[in-house]
Protein backbone atom coordinates (compact mmCIF):
# COMPACT_ATOMS: atom_id res chain seq x y z
CA MET A 1 -15.33 140.17 186.73
CA ALA A 2 -16.03 140.21 183.04
CA GLN A 3 -15.35 137.09 181.04
CA ALA A 4 -12.78 138.43 178.61
CA GLY A 5 -11.94 136.68 175.42
CA ARG A 6 -15.40 135.61 174.28
CA ASP A 7 -15.39 135.49 170.50
CA SER A 8 -17.70 137.76 168.56
CA PHE A 9 -19.99 135.01 167.33
CA GLU A 10 -20.77 133.85 170.85
CA LEU A 11 -21.42 137.45 171.85
CA VAL A 12 -23.64 137.89 168.81
CA ASP A 13 -26.21 135.26 169.82
CA LEU A 14 -26.18 136.36 173.43
CA CYS A 15 -26.70 140.00 172.56
CA ALA A 16 -29.39 139.51 169.95
CA VAL A 17 -32.08 139.51 172.63
CA SER A 18 -33.60 142.61 174.15
CA VAL A 19 -34.24 143.46 177.79
CA PRO A 20 -37.12 141.24 178.86
CA ILE A 21 -38.12 140.94 182.48
CA CYS A 22 -36.62 138.03 184.40
CA SER A 23 -38.83 136.32 186.93
CA CYS A 24 -38.89 133.05 188.76
CA PHE A 25 -40.65 130.12 187.17
CA ASP A 26 -43.81 130.15 189.23
CA ARG A 27 -46.29 128.77 186.76
CA GLU A 28 -47.15 125.32 185.56
CA PRO A 29 -46.03 123.21 183.86
CA LEU A 30 -42.48 124.20 184.85
CA GLN A 31 -41.24 122.84 188.15
CA PRO A 32 -37.67 123.98 188.81
CA CYS A 33 -35.36 121.54 190.52
CA GLU A 34 -32.47 123.92 191.10
CA THR A 35 -31.73 127.59 190.57
CA THR A 36 -29.06 129.16 188.40
CA SER A 37 -28.61 132.33 186.37
CA ASP A 38 -27.45 133.02 182.87
CA LEU A 39 -26.09 136.18 181.37
CA VAL A 40 -29.46 137.37 180.15
CA GLY A 41 -31.00 136.74 183.56
CA SER A 42 -28.22 138.70 185.20
CA ILE A 43 -28.78 141.59 182.80
CA ARG A 44 -32.51 141.60 183.38
CA SER A 45 -32.28 141.47 187.15
CA ALA A 46 -29.63 144.19 187.28
CA THR A 47 -31.48 146.39 184.83
CA LEU A 48 -34.95 146.04 186.29
CA GLY A 49 -34.14 145.49 189.95
CA LEU A 50 -35.61 142.00 189.98
CA SER A 51 -34.22 138.80 191.39
CA SER A 52 -32.65 136.44 188.90
CA CYS A 53 -34.31 133.09 189.41
CA LEU A 54 -33.90 130.75 186.48
CA PRO A 55 -34.31 126.97 186.46
CA GLY A 56 -31.15 124.94 186.32
CA THR A 57 -33.22 121.94 185.37
CA ALA A 58 -36.98 122.02 184.98
CA ILE A 59 -39.53 119.54 183.75
CA ARG A 60 -41.74 121.02 181.07
CA THR A 61 -44.74 119.06 179.92
CA SER A 62 -46.32 120.42 176.77
CA PRO A 63 -50.14 120.43 176.59
CA GLY A 64 -51.41 116.93 175.88
CA ALA A 65 -48.06 115.29 176.58
CA GLY A 66 -47.59 112.53 179.12
CA SER A 67 -45.16 112.41 182.00
CA MET A 68 -41.47 111.73 181.57
CA SER A 69 -39.29 109.60 183.83
CA SER A 70 -35.76 110.58 184.81
CA LYS A 71 -34.26 108.22 182.20
CA THR A 72 -36.52 108.90 179.25
CA GLY A 73 -37.48 111.80 177.06
CA LEU A 74 -35.32 114.75 176.19
CA THR A 75 -33.26 117.46 177.87
CA LEU A 76 -32.84 120.89 176.28
CA TYR A 77 -29.76 122.91 177.21
CA THR A 78 -30.48 126.49 176.31
CA ALA A 79 -30.58 130.21 177.07
CA GLY A 80 -32.96 133.01 176.09
CA THR A 81 -31.53 133.77 172.65
CA PRO A 82 -32.89 133.45 169.10
CA ASN A 83 -31.02 130.19 168.57
CA GLY A 84 -32.31 128.88 171.87
CA TRP A 85 -35.87 129.83 170.93
CA LYS A 86 -35.64 127.87 167.69
CA ALA A 87 -35.39 124.67 169.71
CA SER A 88 -37.88 125.54 172.45
CA ILE A 89 -40.56 126.79 170.04
CA LEU A 90 -40.29 123.61 167.99
CA LEU A 91 -40.50 121.45 171.12
CA GLU A 92 -43.66 123.29 172.13
CA GLU A 93 -45.12 122.83 168.66
CA LEU A 94 -44.37 119.12 168.81
CA GLY A 95 -46.14 118.83 172.16
CA ILE A 96 -43.60 116.46 173.69
CA PRO A 97 -42.33 116.58 177.29
CA TYR A 98 -38.81 117.85 177.84
CA ARG A 99 -36.50 119.01 180.57
CA VAL A 100 -34.97 122.47 180.47
CA HIS A 101 -31.45 123.14 181.71
CA ALA A 102 -30.78 126.88 181.58
CA ILE A 103 -27.11 127.33 180.80
CA ALA A 104 -25.36 129.91 183.00
CA MET A 105 -23.54 131.75 180.24
CA ALA A 106 -22.29 134.44 182.60
CA LYS A 107 -20.32 131.68 184.31
CA ASN A 108 -19.19 130.19 180.99
CA GLU A 109 -21.05 126.99 181.83
CA GLN A 110 -21.26 126.20 178.13
CA LYS A 111 -17.47 125.77 178.12
CA GLU A 112 -17.36 123.35 181.02
CA PRO A 113 -16.11 119.79 180.29
CA TRP A 114 -19.48 118.16 180.97
CA PHE A 115 -21.18 120.35 178.36
CA ILE A 116 -18.37 120.02 175.82
CA LYS A 117 -19.17 116.30 175.81
CA ILE A 118 -22.65 117.24 174.57
CA ASN A 119 -21.56 119.99 172.19
CA PRO A 120 -17.84 120.07 171.34
CA ASN A 121 -18.32 123.66 170.14
CA GLY A 122 -19.54 124.84 173.55
CA ARG A 123 -22.65 126.68 172.34
CA ILE A 124 -26.35 126.56 173.01
CA PRO A 125 -28.76 125.08 172.21
CA ALA A 126 -28.12 121.38 172.50
CA ILE A 127 -30.32 118.43 173.33
CA VAL A 128 -29.83 114.96 174.73
CA ASP A 129 -32.38 112.39 173.60
CA HIS A 130 -32.52 109.86 176.42
CA ASP A 131 -34.78 107.57 174.40
CA GLU A 132 -31.97 107.14 171.87
CA GLY A 133 -29.26 106.07 174.29
CA ASP A 134 -28.55 109.61 175.53
CA LEU A 135 -27.89 110.84 172.00
CA PRO A 136 -26.54 114.41 171.95
CA VAL A 137 -27.55 116.72 169.08
CA PHE A 138 -26.09 120.20 168.72
CA GLU A 139 -26.42 123.15 166.33
CA SER A 140 -29.91 124.65 166.27
CA GLY A 141 -30.63 123.71 162.66
CA ALA A 142 -29.57 120.11 163.22
CA ILE A 143 -31.75 119.95 166.33
CA MET A 144 -34.75 121.22 164.38
CA ILE A 145 -34.32 118.71 161.55
CA TYR A 146 -33.74 115.85 163.98
CA LEU A 147 -36.82 116.59 166.11
CA ALA A 148 -39.11 117.38 163.18
CA GLU A 149 -38.15 114.17 161.38
CA LYS A 150 -38.42 112.04 164.49
CA HIS A 151 -41.83 113.34 165.49
CA GLY A 152 -43.27 113.85 162.02
CA LYS A 153 -44.25 117.50 162.28
CA CYS A 154 -43.08 120.87 160.88
CA LEU A 155 -41.02 119.21 158.13
CA PRO A 156 -42.65 117.58 155.07
CA THR A 157 -41.59 114.09 154.02
CA ASN A 158 -42.09 114.80 150.33
CA THR A 159 -38.65 115.24 148.75
CA ARG A 160 -39.47 118.46 146.91
CA SER A 161 -41.24 120.12 149.83
CA LYS A 162 -38.59 119.01 152.29
CA ALA A 163 -35.85 120.49 150.12
CA GLU A 164 -37.72 123.80 149.99
CA VAL A 165 -38.05 123.93 153.77
CA ILE A 166 -34.41 123.04 154.40
CA SER A 167 -33.34 125.69 151.87
CA TRP A 168 -35.10 128.39 153.88
CA LEU A 169 -33.74 126.92 157.11
CA MET A 170 -30.21 127.19 155.73
CA PHE A 171 -31.02 130.74 154.58
CA GLN A 172 -31.40 131.59 158.24
CA MET A 173 -28.47 129.49 159.45
CA GLY A 174 -25.95 130.79 156.95
CA GLY A 175 -27.30 134.26 156.25
CA LEU A 176 -29.93 135.99 158.33
CA GLY A 177 -28.75 134.74 161.74
CA PRO A 178 -25.02 135.49 161.37
CA MET A 179 -25.60 138.82 159.61
CA GLN A 180 -28.22 140.07 162.05
CA GLY A 181 -26.13 138.90 164.98
CA GLN A 182 -23.12 140.85 163.74
CA ALA A 183 -25.34 143.86 163.08
CA ALA A 184 -26.57 143.75 166.68
CA HIS A 185 -22.98 143.50 167.87
CA PHE A 186 -21.75 146.54 165.93
CA VAL A 187 -24.89 148.62 166.52
CA ARG A 188 -25.38 147.88 170.22
CA PHE A 189 -22.42 146.19 171.85
CA ALA A 190 -19.12 147.03 170.17
CA PRO A 191 -16.86 149.02 172.52
CA GLU A 192 -16.55 151.69 169.84
CA GLN A 193 -18.71 152.75 166.90
CA ILE A 194 -17.23 151.38 163.70
CA GLU A 195 -19.19 152.83 160.80
CA TYR A 196 -18.00 150.26 158.29
CA GLY A 197 -19.13 147.35 160.47
CA ILE A 198 -22.48 148.96 161.22
CA LYS A 199 -23.24 149.65 157.55
CA ARG A 200 -21.88 146.32 156.32
CA TYR A 201 -24.01 144.17 158.57
CA THR A 202 -27.18 146.26 158.89
CA ASN A 203 -27.39 146.68 155.11
CA GLU A 204 -26.92 142.97 154.55
CA THR A 205 -29.52 142.16 157.20
CA LYS A 206 -31.97 144.56 155.57
CA ARG A 207 -31.31 142.89 152.22
CA LEU A 208 -32.06 139.46 153.70
CA TYR A 209 -35.29 140.75 155.25
CA GLY A 210 -36.15 142.01 151.78
CA VAL A 211 -35.64 138.52 150.36
CA ILE A 212 -38.25 137.18 152.76
CA GLU A 213 -40.58 140.09 152.02
CA LYS A 214 -40.36 139.35 148.29
CA ALA A 215 -41.01 135.64 148.83
CA LEU A 216 -44.09 136.35 150.92
CA SER A 217 -45.42 138.91 148.46
CA ASP A 218 -46.72 136.16 146.16
CA GLY A 219 -49.57 135.51 148.59
CA ARG A 220 -48.09 132.57 150.50
CA GLN A 221 -48.85 132.32 154.20
CA TRP A 222 -45.65 130.50 155.12
CA LEU A 223 -42.12 130.51 153.79
CA ALA A 224 -41.98 127.03 152.29
CA ALA A 225 -44.02 124.05 151.13
CA GLY A 226 -47.35 125.77 151.70
CA GLU A 227 -47.34 125.00 155.41
CA TYR A 228 -45.92 126.13 158.74
CA THR A 229 -42.51 124.53 159.19
CA ILE A 230 -39.15 124.76 160.90
CA ALA A 231 -38.19 127.31 158.23
CA ASP A 232 -40.75 129.74 159.65
CA ILE A 233 -39.70 129.07 163.24
CA ALA A 234 -36.00 129.56 162.52
CA ASN A 235 -36.31 132.84 160.65
CA PHE A 236 -38.98 134.21 162.98
CA SER A 237 -36.85 133.57 166.06
CA TRP A 238 -34.18 135.97 164.84
CA MET A 239 -36.49 138.53 163.26
CA TYR A 240 -38.49 138.71 166.49
CA VAL A 241 -35.70 140.85 167.99
CA HIS A 242 -34.96 142.90 164.88
CA GLN A 243 -34.86 146.15 166.87
CA MET A 244 -31.64 145.12 168.58
CA ALA A 245 -29.91 145.15 165.19
CA GLY A 246 -31.31 148.55 164.26
CA ILE A 247 -33.72 146.99 161.77
CA THR A 248 -37.27 148.23 161.17
CA LEU A 249 -40.18 146.39 159.58
CA ASP A 250 -41.94 149.57 158.48
CA ASP A 251 -41.50 148.88 154.76
CA LEU A 252 -42.11 145.12 155.02
CA PRO A 253 -45.89 144.60 155.23
CA HIS A 254 -45.79 140.93 154.23
CA VAL A 255 -43.11 140.20 156.82
CA GLN A 256 -45.18 141.96 159.46
CA ALA A 257 -48.26 139.91 158.65
CA TRP A 258 -46.26 136.66 158.57
CA MET A 259 -44.63 137.40 161.92
CA LYS A 260 -48.00 138.24 163.45
CA ARG A 261 -49.37 134.87 162.32
CA ILE A 262 -46.46 133.09 163.93
CA GLU A 263 -46.41 135.12 167.14
CA GLU A 264 -50.10 134.41 167.70
CA ARG A 265 -49.48 130.66 167.89
CA PRO A 266 -49.74 129.50 171.53
CA ALA A 267 -46.74 127.18 171.16
CA VAL A 268 -44.61 130.06 169.92
CA ARG A 269 -45.53 132.23 172.87
CA ARG A 270 -44.66 129.38 175.24
CA GLY A 271 -41.39 128.65 173.46
CA ILE A 272 -40.21 132.26 173.69
CA ASP A 273 -40.64 132.02 177.47
CA VAL A 274 -38.00 129.27 177.70
CA PRO A 275 -35.88 129.26 179.75
CA GLU A 276 -37.33 132.44 181.28
CA PRO A 277 -40.27 134.76 180.58
CA PHE A 278 -39.61 137.33 177.87
CA ASP A 279 -41.04 140.85 177.95
CA LYS A 280 -40.88 142.18 174.40
CA ALA A 281 -42.21 145.58 175.42
CA ALA A 282 -39.14 146.23 177.60
CA MET A 283 -36.96 146.86 174.56
CA GLN A 284 -39.04 149.93 173.77
CA ASP A 285 -37.54 151.63 176.83
CA PRO A 286 -34.24 153.26 175.70
CA LYS A 287 -32.95 153.57 179.26
CA LYS A 288 -33.42 149.89 180.02
CA VAL A 289 -31.92 148.90 176.70
CA GLN A 290 -28.82 151.01 177.36
CA GLU A 291 -28.42 149.62 180.88
CA ALA A 292 -28.63 146.11 179.47
CA ILE A 293 -26.07 146.93 176.78
CA ASP A 294 -23.66 148.22 179.42
CA MET A 295 -24.17 145.07 181.47
CA VAL A 296 -23.51 142.80 178.49
CA ARG A 297 -20.31 144.68 177.73
CA LYS A 298 -19.18 144.27 181.32
CA PHE A 299 -19.87 140.54 181.40
CA THR A 300 -18.29 139.84 178.04
CA GLY A 301 -15.22 141.99 178.40
CA THR A 302 -16.12 144.41 175.61
CA HIS A 303 -16.63 147.46 177.79
CA LYS A 304 -14.35 150.29 176.75
CA SER A 305 -12.95 150.76 180.25
CA GLU A 306 -11.79 147.15 180.32
CA LEU A 307 -10.00 147.04 176.97
């Protein structure tokens, strides 16, 4: 049965992704301890005829990182969405070991009492830092700042440079993410086509993409502080699935080049495959995209026949 009553913002993050292939974790360094499925996994398996085999909890050791005992290190609670990728890409860039717990969003696991103790808002991603007395940190931007500061990477310590990076991070948190998410909702997943909503959010998303294009047009390689930072990771994670919001990059050459630089980073490619492998090419198939859209509507209670 569909989970009726999910609010639009929760649906937005879930539906921002495309239709990547779901497969079991059968490659190192992930060693699944238990199996679960999340909404995206369910969509992928139903759409592509593949089994949904996602890790409930997996140990992921980044290249060069040491082992992690059961009472140390960090656990990432996540799903395959742009906000989830922000955390997993950064963790891969930092090269630290971490556990992955794939949240079963189709079962509303993120609303269960045990998870509400970690994130009172019941959203992914969230982390628990076991080295800091099982400290929970929630909200993707807060997670990025916390990890970057703690591990001394992807966030400058210089006051001026740090302020510049956080400004662009908040640009994504307060603008690009919410606007693009709502655009994806009205373009792809709303039970009926509402022209006002489509125009309102796609136009604003296009405007925000234009802000980034203009910033990059001065010759800079990265968004802020002259270096690759959490600002780049955060904005890239949402723009990576721009097609789902009906957005094109055709007139944004600087954005295209910037995204190519980021996507080519090995840590970014690994992070996008958390908690399950992502097949970007699948969203070029209109039939698969439509089947996935129908499945999302069914799971979230937004299908026309269920209203």
